[in-house]
Amino acid sequence: MSAAVSLGGWVAAALVGLIVVSVYRNVGDRMEAVARACHELRGPLTAARLGLSLGVRIGELSPVRLRAIDTELGRATLALDDLADVRGGGPRLRELDRVDVPSLLAESVEAWQGSAAAARVGLRVASCDAGAAVWGDRLRLAQATGNLIANALEHGGGAVDVRASARHGRVRIVVSDLGPGLPAPVAELCRRTRRGRGARGRGLAIAAAVARAHGGRLASAPSEQGARLVLELPAAAGRQPHGAEG
């Protein structure tokens, strides 16, 4: 009888332990979702504010700059959508379009020029293959490129270059800086945010999730100085692909 009671006690304790772990994980996931939402609200809103300030200061609020600012404000709405999405499991893609990569990068760089000027960092599209295109959610892709540029501006320094090339059915978007480099591999930095161990990799984790949702990946590449992050995506080839996450 005592053995049965003891066994029952151990089973009950194990069940309670599982419940506690499950609750802890759910709370942790929810806290990380809130942290990501705050990150995605703060970044685009700051970029928009500084972009407007720069445009007023130099007397040039061009259509390109206004479109770039509008994209950043659209990114902020994604943060609220993601926070309200109880499904979780990664960014939800909406309607997929053929996205012209040169115009996407030109817009992303323009959106962050105000932040670059405030940080005294040069920011430019160094090179981009004409005609490079991907199938995707343009606003989500802007979310990824914006986070990579913001990461380079905040943690890099000197100059931030953005490049894109199309080879062998893949489009590679490269963001490089002249800072101290990454303190750890991309995958580890992304894991740290899920464990609540700092926010350094939060923007990278968001960019990586967007890449995965588009059938691509985010990785680092060798660099003589600074960090060099590569967002690799399937190139658009004719018709829109089936089976995209959404």
C-alpha atoms as a PDB file:
ATOM      1  CA  MET A   1       0.000   0.000   0.000  1.00  0.00           C
ATOM      2  CA  SER A   2       2.788   2.404   0.987  1.00  0.00           C
ATOM      3  CA  ALA A   3       4.598   1.578  -2.262  1.00  0.00           C
ATOM      4  CA  ALA A   4       1.458   2.426  -4.263  1.00  0.00           C
ATOM      5  CA  VAL A   5       1.062   5.707  -2.385  1.00  0.00           C
ATOM      6  CA  SER A   6       4.732   6.533  -2.966  1.00  0.00           C
ATOM      7  CA  LEU A   7       4.417   5.737  -6.660  1.00  0.00           C
ATOM      8  CA  GLY A   8       1.277   7.835  -6.894  1.00  0.00           C
ATOM      9  CA  GLY A   9       3.111  10.710  -5.233  1.00  0.00           C
ATOM     10  CA  TRP A  10       5.940  10.498  -7.730  1.00  0.00           C
ATOM     11  CA  VAL A  11       3.475  10.419 -10.656  1.00  0.00           C
ATOM     12  CA  ALA A  12       1.623  13.436  -9.263  1.00  0.00           C
ATOM     13  CA  ALA A  13       4.892  15.304  -8.771  1.00  0.00           C
ATOM     14  CA  ALA A  14       5.955  14.489 -12.313  1.00  0.00           C
ATOM     15  CA  LEU A  15       2.636  15.743 -13.679  1.00  0.00           C
ATOM     16  CA  VAL A  16       2.904  18.955 -11.682  1.00  0.00           C
ATOM     17  CA  GLY A  17       6.455  19.371 -12.944  1.00  0.00           C
ATOM     18  CA  LEU A  18       5.322  18.981 -16.546  1.00  0.00           C
ATOM     19  CA  ILE A  19       2.557  21.513 -16.022  1.00  0.00           C
ATOM     20  CA  VAL A  20       4.974  23.995 -14.454  1.00  0.00           C
ATOM     21  CA  VAL A  21       7.446  23.566 -17.342  1.00  0.00           C
ATOM     22  CA  SER A  22       4.642  24.006 -19.885  1.00  0.00           C
ATOM     23  CA  VAL A  23       3.387  27.162 -18.187  1.00  0.00           C
ATOM     24  CA  TYR A  24       6.938  28.503 -17.892  1.00  0.00           C
ATOM     25  CA  ARG A  25       7.542  27.901 -21.578  1.00  0.00           C
ATOM     26  CA  ASN A  26       4.250  29.537 -22.553  1.00  0.00           C
ATOM     27  CA  VAL A  27       5.020  32.549 -20.389  1.00  0.00           C
ATOM     28  CA  GLY A  28       8.535  32.697 -21.790  1.00  0.00           C
ATOM     29  CA  ASP A  29       7.247  32.490 -25.365  1.00  0.00           C
ATOM     30  CA  ARG A  30       4.708  35.218 -24.650  1.00  0.00           C
ATOM     31  CA  MET A  31       7.334  37.458 -23.066  1.00  0.00           C
ATOM     32  CA  GLU A  32       9.596  36.975 -26.073  1.00  0.00           C
ATOM     33  CA  ALA A  33       6.657  37.809 -28.386  1.00  0.00           C
ATOM     34  CA  VAL A  34       6.112  41.043 -26.448  1.00  0.00           C
ATOM     35  CA  ALA A  35       9.842  41.829 -26.565  1.00  0.00           C
ATOM     36  CA  ARG A  36       9.909  41.268 -30.326  1.00  0.00           C
ATOM     37  CA  ALA A  37       6.830  43.459 -30.772  1.00  0.00           C
ATOM     38  CA  CYS A  38       8.499  46.252 -28.789  1.00  0.00           C
ATOM     39  CA  HIS A  39      11.646  45.822 -30.883  1.00  0.00           C
ATOM     40  CA  GLU A  40       9.660  45.970 -34.121  1.00  0.00           C
ATOM     41  CA  LEU A  41       7.707  49.026 -32.980  1.00  0.00           C
ATOM     42  CA  ARG A  42      10.727  50.939 -31.718  1.00  0.00           C
ATOM     43  CA  GLY A  43      12.990  50.312 -34.719  1.00  0.00           C
ATOM     44  CA  PRO A  44      10.664  51.330 -37.594  1.00  0.00           C
ATOM     45  CA  LEU A  45       9.174  54.270 -35.668  1.00  0.00           C
ATOM     46  CA  THR A  46      12.656  55.572 -34.881  1.00  0.00           C
ATOM     47  CA  ALA A  47      13.726  55.147 -38.502  1.00  0.00           C
ATOM     48  CA  ALA A  48      10.597  56.973 -39.696  1.00  0.00           C
ATOM     49  CA  ARG A  49      11.081  59.849 -37.231  1.00  0.00           C
ATOM     50  CA  LEU A  50      14.765  60.307 -38.077  1.00  0.00           C
ATOM     51  CA  GLY A  51      14.035  59.943 -41.796  1.00  0.00           C
ATOM     52  CA  LEU A  52      11.461  62.737 -41.622  1.00  0.00           C
ATOM     53  CA  SER A  53      13.843  64.863 -39.559  1.00  0.00           C
ATOM     54  CA  LEU A  54      16.635  64.367 -42.097  1.00  0.00           C
ATOM     55  CA  GLY A  55      14.304  65.185 -44.984  1.00  0.00           C
ATOM     56  CA  VAL A  56      13.160  68.417 -43.331  1.00  0.00           C
ATOM     57  CA  ARG A  57      16.741  69.378 -42.446  1.00  0.00           C
ATOM     58  CA  ILE A  58      18.047  68.989 -45.989  1.00  0.00           C
ATOM     59  CA  GLY A  59      14.813  70.229 -47.530  1.00  0.00           C
ATOM     60  CA  GLU A  60      14.098  67.034 -49.439  1.00  0.00           C
ATOM     61  CA  LEU A  61      11.108  64.834 -48.688  1.00  0.00           C
ATOM     62  CA  SER A  62      11.198  63.041 -52.012  1.00  0.00           C
ATOM     63  CA  PRO A  63       8.610  60.461 -53.117  1.00  0.00           C
ATOM     64  CA  VAL A  64      11.261  57.747 -52.603  1.00  0.00           C
ATOM     65  CA  ARG A  65      11.890  58.842 -49.012  1.00  0.00           C
ATOM     66  CA  LEU A  66       8.173  59.110 -48.252  1.00  0.00           C
ATOM     67  CA  ARG A  67       7.580  55.601 -49.652  1.00  0.00           C
ATOM     68  CA  ALA A  68      10.447  54.291 -47.534  1.00  0.00           C
ATOM     69  CA  ILE A  69       9.002  55.909 -44.406  1.00  0.00           C
ATOM     70  CA  ASP A  70       5.569  54.504 -45.224  1.00  0.00           C
ATOM     71  CA  THR A  71       7.124  51.021 -45.464  1.00  0.00           C
ATOM     72  CA  GLU A  72       8.682  51.429 -42.020  1.00  0.00           C
ATOM     73  CA  LEU A  73       5.314  52.446 -40.572  1.00  0.00           C
ATOM     74  CA  GLY A  74       3.830  49.372 -42.239  1.00  0.00           C
ATOM     75  CA  ARG A  75       6.473  47.281 -40.470  1.00  0.00           C
ATOM     76  CA  ALA A  76       5.267  48.702 -37.167  1.00  0.00           C
ATOM     77  CA  THR A  77       1.765  47.407 -37.871  1.00  0.00           C
ATOM     78  CA  LEU A  78       3.254  43.942 -38.434  1.00  0.00           C
ATOM     79  CA  ALA A  79       4.481  44.009 -34.839  1.00  0.00           C
ATOM     80  CA  LEU A  80       0.937  44.472 -33.579  1.00  0.00           C
ATOM     81  CA  ASP A  81      -0.378  41.780 -35.931  1.00  0.00           C
ATOM     82  CA  ASP A  82       2.264  39.331 -34.711  1.00  0.00           C
ATOM     83  CA  LEU A  83       1.505  40.089 -31.073  1.00  0.00           C
ATOM     84  CA  ALA A  84      -2.195  39.444 -31.645  1.00  0.00           C
ATOM     85  CA  ASP A  85      -1.550  36.234 -33.622  1.00  0.00           C
ATOM     86  CA  VAL A  86      -2.162  33.437 -31.122  1.00  0.00           C
ATOM     87  CA  ARG A  87      -1.067  30.846 -33.668  1.00  0.00           C
ATOM     88  CA  GLY A  88       2.600  31.755 -33.351  1.00  0.00           C
ATOM     89  CA  GLY A  89       5.100  29.514 -35.119  1.00  0.00           C
ATOM     90  CA  GLY A  90       6.796  32.215 -37.155  1.00  0.00           C
ATOM     91  CA  PRO A  91       5.852  35.245 -39.256  1.00  0.00           C
ATOM     92  CA  ARG A  92       2.574  34.956 -41.132  1.00  0.00           C
ATOM     93  CA  LEU A  93       2.977  35.717 -44.823  1.00  0.00           C
ATOM     94  CA  ARG A  94       0.191  37.466 -46.636  1.00  0.00           C
ATOM     95  CA  GLU A  95      -0.227  37.693 -50.395  1.00  0.00           C
ATOM     96  CA  LEU A  96       3.010  36.873 -52.205  1.00  0.00           C
ATOM     97  CA  ASP A  97       4.214  39.104 -55.024  1.00  0.00           C
ATOM     98  CA  ARG A  98       7.195  39.244 -57.300  1.00  0.00           C
ATOM     99  CA  VAL A  99       9.527  41.531 -55.358  1.00  0.00           C
ATOM    100  CA  ASP A 100      12.185  43.491 -57.219  1.00  0.00           C
ATOM    101  CA  VAL A 101      15.244  43.260 -54.979  1.00  0.00           C
ATOM    102  CA  PRO A 102      17.055  46.423 -56.195  1.00  0.00           C
ATOM    103  CA  SER A 103      14.020  48.585 -55.385  1.00  0.00           C
ATOM    104  CA  LEU A 104      13.482  46.771 -52.064  1.00  0.00           C
ATOM    105  CA  LEU A 105      17.059  47.467 -50.982  1.00  0.00           C
ATOM    106  CA  ALA A 106      17.012  51.054 -52.244  1.00  0.00           C
ATOM    107  CA  GLU A 107      13.889  51.634 -50.168  1.00  0.00           C
ATOM    108  CA  SER A 108      15.312  49.953 -47.073  1.00  0.00           C
ATOM    109  CA  VAL A 109      18.546  51.944 -47.264  1.00  0.00           C
ATOM    110  CA  GLU A 110      16.631  55.190 -47.803  1.00  0.00           C
ATOM    111  CA  ALA A 111      14.426  54.446 -44.792  1.00  0.00           C
ATOM    112  CA  TRP A 112      17.484  54.134 -42.517  1.00  0.00           C
ATOM    113  CA  GLN A 113      19.486  57.092 -43.813  1.00  0.00           C
ATOM    114  CA  GLY A 114      18.240  59.271 -40.958  1.00  0.00           C
ATOM    115  CA  SER A 115      19.402  56.712 -38.400  1.00  0.00           C
ATOM    116  CA  ALA A 116      22.722  56.352 -40.209  1.00  0.00           C
ATOM    117  CA  ALA A 117      23.240  60.131 -40.174  1.00  0.00           C
ATOM    118  CA  ALA A 118      22.432  60.251 -36.439  1.00  0.00           C
ATOM    119  CA  ALA A 119      24.995  57.480 -35.803  1.00  0.00           C
ATOM    120  CA  ARG A 120      27.546  59.124 -38.139  1.00  0.00           C
ATOM    121  CA  VAL A 121      27.727  55.954 -40.200  1.00  0.00           C
ATOM    122  CA  GLY A 122      27.810  55.803 -43.973  1.00  0.00           C
ATOM    123  CA  LEU A 123      25.043  53.651 -45.490  1.00  0.00           C
ATOM    124  CA  ARG A 124      24.699  52.753 -49.146  1.00  0.00           C
ATOM    125  CA  VAL A 125      23.672  50.137 -51.681  1.00  0.00           C
ATOM    126  CA  ALA A 126      27.148  49.208 -52.908  1.00  0.00           C
ATOM    127  CA  SER A 127      26.014  46.919 -55.713  1.00  0.00           C
ATOM    128  CA  CYS A 128      22.912  45.066 -56.839  1.00  0.00           C
ATOM    129  CA  ASP A 129      22.277  42.813 -59.817  1.00  0.00           C
ATOM    130  CA  ALA A 130      19.618  44.359 -62.034  1.00  0.00           C
ATOM    131  CA  GLY A 131      16.617  42.094 -62.417  1.00  0.00           C
ATOM    132  CA  ALA A 132      17.183  40.177 -59.172  1.00  0.00           C
ATOM    133  CA  ALA A 133      13.745  39.219 -57.858  1.00  0.00           C
ATOM    134  CA  VAL A 134      12.093  36.881 -55.367  1.00  0.00           C
ATOM    135  CA  TRP A 135       8.556  35.752 -54.636  1.00  0.00           C
ATOM    136  CA  GLY A 136       7.508  36.989 -51.239  1.00  0.00           C
ATOM    137  CA  ASP A 137       5.676  39.261 -48.881  1.00  0.00           C
ATOM    138  CA  ARG A 138       7.343  42.604 -49.619  1.00  0.00           C
ATOM    139  CA  LEU A 139       6.641  44.064 -46.181  1.00  0.00           C
ATOM    140  CA  ARG A 140       8.060  40.975 -44.432  1.00  0.00           C
ATOM    141  CA  LEU A 141      11.157  41.129 -46.613  1.00  0.00           C
ATOM    142  CA  ALA A 142      11.532  44.807 -45.722  1.00  0.00           C
ATOM    143  CA  GLN A 143      11.245  43.693 -42.095  1.00  0.00           C
ATOM    144  CA  ALA A 144      14.211  41.364 -42.615  1.00  0.00           C
ATOM    145  CA  THR A 145      16.421  43.822 -44.516  1.00  0.00           C
ATOM    146  CA  GLY A 146      15.528  46.630 -42.118  1.00  0.00           C
ATOM    147  CA  ASN A 147      16.581  44.539 -39.132  1.00  0.00           C
ATOM    148  CA  LEU A 148      19.886  43.614 -40.758  1.00  0.00           C
ATOM    149  CA  ILE A 149      20.624  47.263 -41.564  1.00  0.00           C
ATOM    150  CA  ALA A 150      19.596  48.380 -38.063  1.00  0.00           C
ATOM    151  CA  ASN A 151      21.845  45.708 -36.527  1.00  0.00           C
ATOM    152  CA  ALA A 152      24.800  46.877 -38.622  1.00  0.00           C
ATOM    153  CA  LEU A 153      24.194  50.535 -37.723  1.00  0.00           C
ATOM    154  CA  GLU A 154      23.875  49.827 -34.006  1.00  0.00           C
ATOM    155  CA  HIS A 155      26.593  47.231 -33.510  1.00  0.00           C
ATOM    156  CA  GLY A 156      28.848  47.790 -36.511  1.00  0.00           C
ATOM    157  CA  GLY A 157      30.278  51.137 -37.479  1.00  0.00           C
ATOM    158  CA  GLY A 158      32.419  52.937 -39.999  1.00  0.00           C
ATOM    159  CA  ALA A 159      30.343  52.130 -43.058  1.00  0.00           C
ATOM    160  CA  VAL A 160      27.477  49.812 -43.862  1.00  0.00           C
ATOM    161  CA  ASP A 161      27.263  48.383 -47.366  1.00  0.00           C
ATOM    162  CA  VAL A 162      24.308  46.504 -48.810  1.00  0.00           C
ATOM    163  CA  ARG A 163      24.737  44.266 -51.824  1.00  0.00           C
ATOM    164  CA  ALA A 164      22.618  41.787 -53.759  1.00  0.00           C
ATOM    165  CA  SER A 165      23.453  39.197 -56.384  1.00  0.00           C
ATOM    166  CA  ALA A 166      21.500  36.553 -58.263  1.00  0.00           C
ATOM    167  CA  ARG A 167      23.245  33.266 -59.046  1.00  0.00           C
ATOM    168  CA  HIS A 168      22.137  29.694 -59.696  1.00  0.00           C
ATOM    169  CA  GLY A 169      18.505  30.234 -58.733  1.00  0.00           C
ATOM    170  CA  ARG A 170      19.296  32.062 -55.478  1.00  0.00           C
ATOM    171  CA  VAL A 171      19.325  35.723 -54.509  1.00  0.00           C
ATOM    172  CA  ARG A 172      21.902  36.733 -51.892  1.00  0.00           C
ATOM    173  CA  ILE A 173      21.430  39.973 -49.957  1.00  0.00           C
ATOM    174  CA  VAL A 174      24.584  40.879 -48.056  1.00  0.00           C
ATOM    175  CA  VAL A 175      24.813  43.525 -45.309  1.00  0.00           C
ATOM    176  CA  SER A 176      28.349  44.243 -44.120  1.00  0.00           C
ATOM    177  CA  ASP A 177      29.882  46.690 -41.650  1.00  0.00           C
ATOM    178  CA  LEU A 178      33.298  47.676 -40.315  1.00  0.00           C
ATOM    179  CA  GLY A 179      32.588  47.094 -36.633  1.00  0.00           C
ATOM    180  CA  PRO A 180      33.965  44.517 -34.190  1.00  0.00           C
ATOM    181  CA  GLY A 181      32.080  41.611 -35.789  1.00  0.00           C
ATOM    182  CA  LEU A 182      29.567  39.177 -34.359  1.00  0.00           C
ATOM    183  CA  PRO A 183      30.176  37.958 -30.796  1.00  0.00           C
ATOM    184  CA  ALA A 184      28.806  34.508 -31.679  1.00  0.00           C
ATOM    185  CA  PRO A 185      27.434  32.577 -34.684  1.00  0.00           C
ATOM    186  CA  VAL A 186      24.076  33.766 -36.018  1.00  0.00           C
ATOM    187  CA  ALA A 187      22.250  30.644 -34.844  1.00  0.00           C
ATOM    188  CA  GLU A 188      23.552  31.076 -31.290  1.00  0.00           C
ATOM    189  CA  LEU A 189      22.603  34.769 -31.175  1.00  0.00           C
ATOM    190  CA  CYS A 190      19.093  33.843 -32.296  1.00  0.00           C
ATOM    191  CA  ARG A 191      18.846  31.121 -29.648  1.00  0.00           C
ATOM    192  CA  ARG A 192      19.927  33.521 -26.905  1.00  0.00           C
ATOM    193  CA  THR A 193      16.868  35.710 -27.404  1.00  0.00           C
ATOM    194  CA  ARG A 194      14.571  32.685 -27.017  1.00  0.00           C
ATOM    195  CA  ARG A 195      16.337  31.874 -23.745  1.00  0.00           C
ATOM    196  CA  GLY A 196      15.941  35.438 -22.480  1.00  0.00           C
ATOM    197  CA  ARG A 197      19.694  36.032 -22.548  1.00  0.00           C
ATOM    198  CA  GLY A 198      19.898  39.497 -24.101  1.00  0.00           C
ATOM    199  CA  ALA A 199      18.480  41.352 -27.041  1.00  0.00           C
ATOM    200  CA  ARG A 200      21.566  41.501 -29.318  1.00  0.00           C
ATOM    201  CA  GLY A 201      20.202  38.787 -31.593  1.00  0.00           C
ATOM    202  CA  ARG A 202      16.525  39.767 -31.612  1.00  0.00           C
ATOM    203  CA  GLY A 203      16.667  41.570 -34.948  1.00  0.00           C
ATOM    204  CA  LEU A 204      18.699  38.714 -36.413  1.00  0.00           C
ATOM    205  CA  ALA A 205      16.157  36.189 -35.105  1.00  0.00           C
ATOM    206  CA  ILE A 206      13.342  38.109 -36.793  1.00  0.00           C
ATOM    207  CA  ALA A 207      15.268  38.291 -40.077  1.00  0.00           C
ATOM    208  CA  ALA A 208      16.072  34.570 -39.871  1.00  0.00           C
ATOM    209  CA  ALA A 209      12.407  33.708 -39.285  1.00  0.00           C
ATOM    210  CA  VAL A 210      11.349  35.786 -42.299  1.00  0.00           C
ATOM    211  CA  ALA A 211      13.998  34.043 -44.406  1.00  0.00           C
ATOM    212  CA  ARG A 212      12.766  30.587 -43.345  1.00  0.00           C
ATOM    213  CA  ALA A 213       9.159  31.537 -44.115  1.00  0.00           C
ATOM    214  CA  HIS A 214      10.290  32.356 -47.663  1.00  0.00           C
ATOM    215  CA  GLY A 215      12.260  29.128 -48.073  1.00  0.00           C
ATOM    216  CA  GLY A 216      15.596  30.837 -47.437  1.00  0.00           C
ATOM    217  CA  ARG A 217      18.110  31.256 -44.646  1.00  0.00           C
ATOM    218  CA  LEU A 218      20.216  33.807 -42.790  1.00  0.00           C
ATOM    219  CA  ALA A 219      23.896  33.141 -42.200  1.00  0.00           C
ATOM    220  CA  SER A 220      27.168  34.944 -41.636  1.00  0.00           C
ATOM    221  CA  ALA A 221      30.014  34.972 -44.129  1.00  0.00           C
ATOM    222  CA  PRO A 222      33.773  35.383 -43.639  1.00  0.00           C
ATOM    223  CA  SER A 223      34.931  38.985 -43.464  1.00  0.00           C
ATOM    224  CA  GLU A 224      38.349  40.583 -42.928  1.00  0.00           C
ATOM    225  CA  GLN A 225      36.732  43.200 -40.705  1.00  0.00           C
ATOM    226  CA  GLY A 226      33.304  43.606 -39.140  1.00  0.00           C
ATOM    227  CA  ALA A 227      30.240  41.469 -39.674  1.00  0.00           C
ATOM    228  CA  ARG A 228      28.939  40.168 -42.979  1.00  0.00           C
ATOM    229  CA  LEU A 229      25.388  38.801 -42.898  1.00  0.00           C
ATOM    230  CA  VAL A 230      23.856  36.993 -45.847  1.00  0.00           C
ATOM    231  CA  LEU A 231      20.127  36.669 -46.441  1.00  0.00           C
ATOM    232  CA  GLU A 232      19.679  33.971 -49.086  1.00  0.00           C
ATOM    233  CA  LEU A 233      16.326  33.481 -50.824  1.00  0.00           C
ATOM    234  CA  PRO A 234      15.040  31.447 -53.785  1.00  0.00           C
ATOM    235  CA  ALA A 235      15.057  33.565 -56.925  1.00  0.00           C
ATOM    236  CA  ALA A 236      11.757  34.209 -58.669  1.00  0.00           C
ATOM    237  CA  ALA A 237      11.503  31.949 -61.670  1.00  0.00           C
ATOM    238  CA  GLY A 238       8.341  32.379 -63.699  1.00  0.00           C
ATOM    239  CA  ARG A 239       5.215  31.602 -61.720  1.00  0.00           C
ATOM    240  CA  GLN A 240       4.585  32.079 -58.042  1.00  0.00           C
ATOM    241  CA  PRO A 241       5.697  29.007 -56.031  1.00  0.00           C
ATOM    242  CA  HIS A 242       3.213  26.858 -54.181  1.00  0.00           C
ATOM    243  CA  GLY A 243       3.417  25.799 -50.544  1.00  0.00           C
ATOM    244  CA  ALA A 244       4.727  29.039 -49.060  1.00  0.00           C
ATOM    245  CA  GLU A 245       4.166  29.373 -45.363  1.00  0.00           C
ATOM    246  CA  GLY A 246       1.290  31.624 -44.454  1.00  0.00           C
END
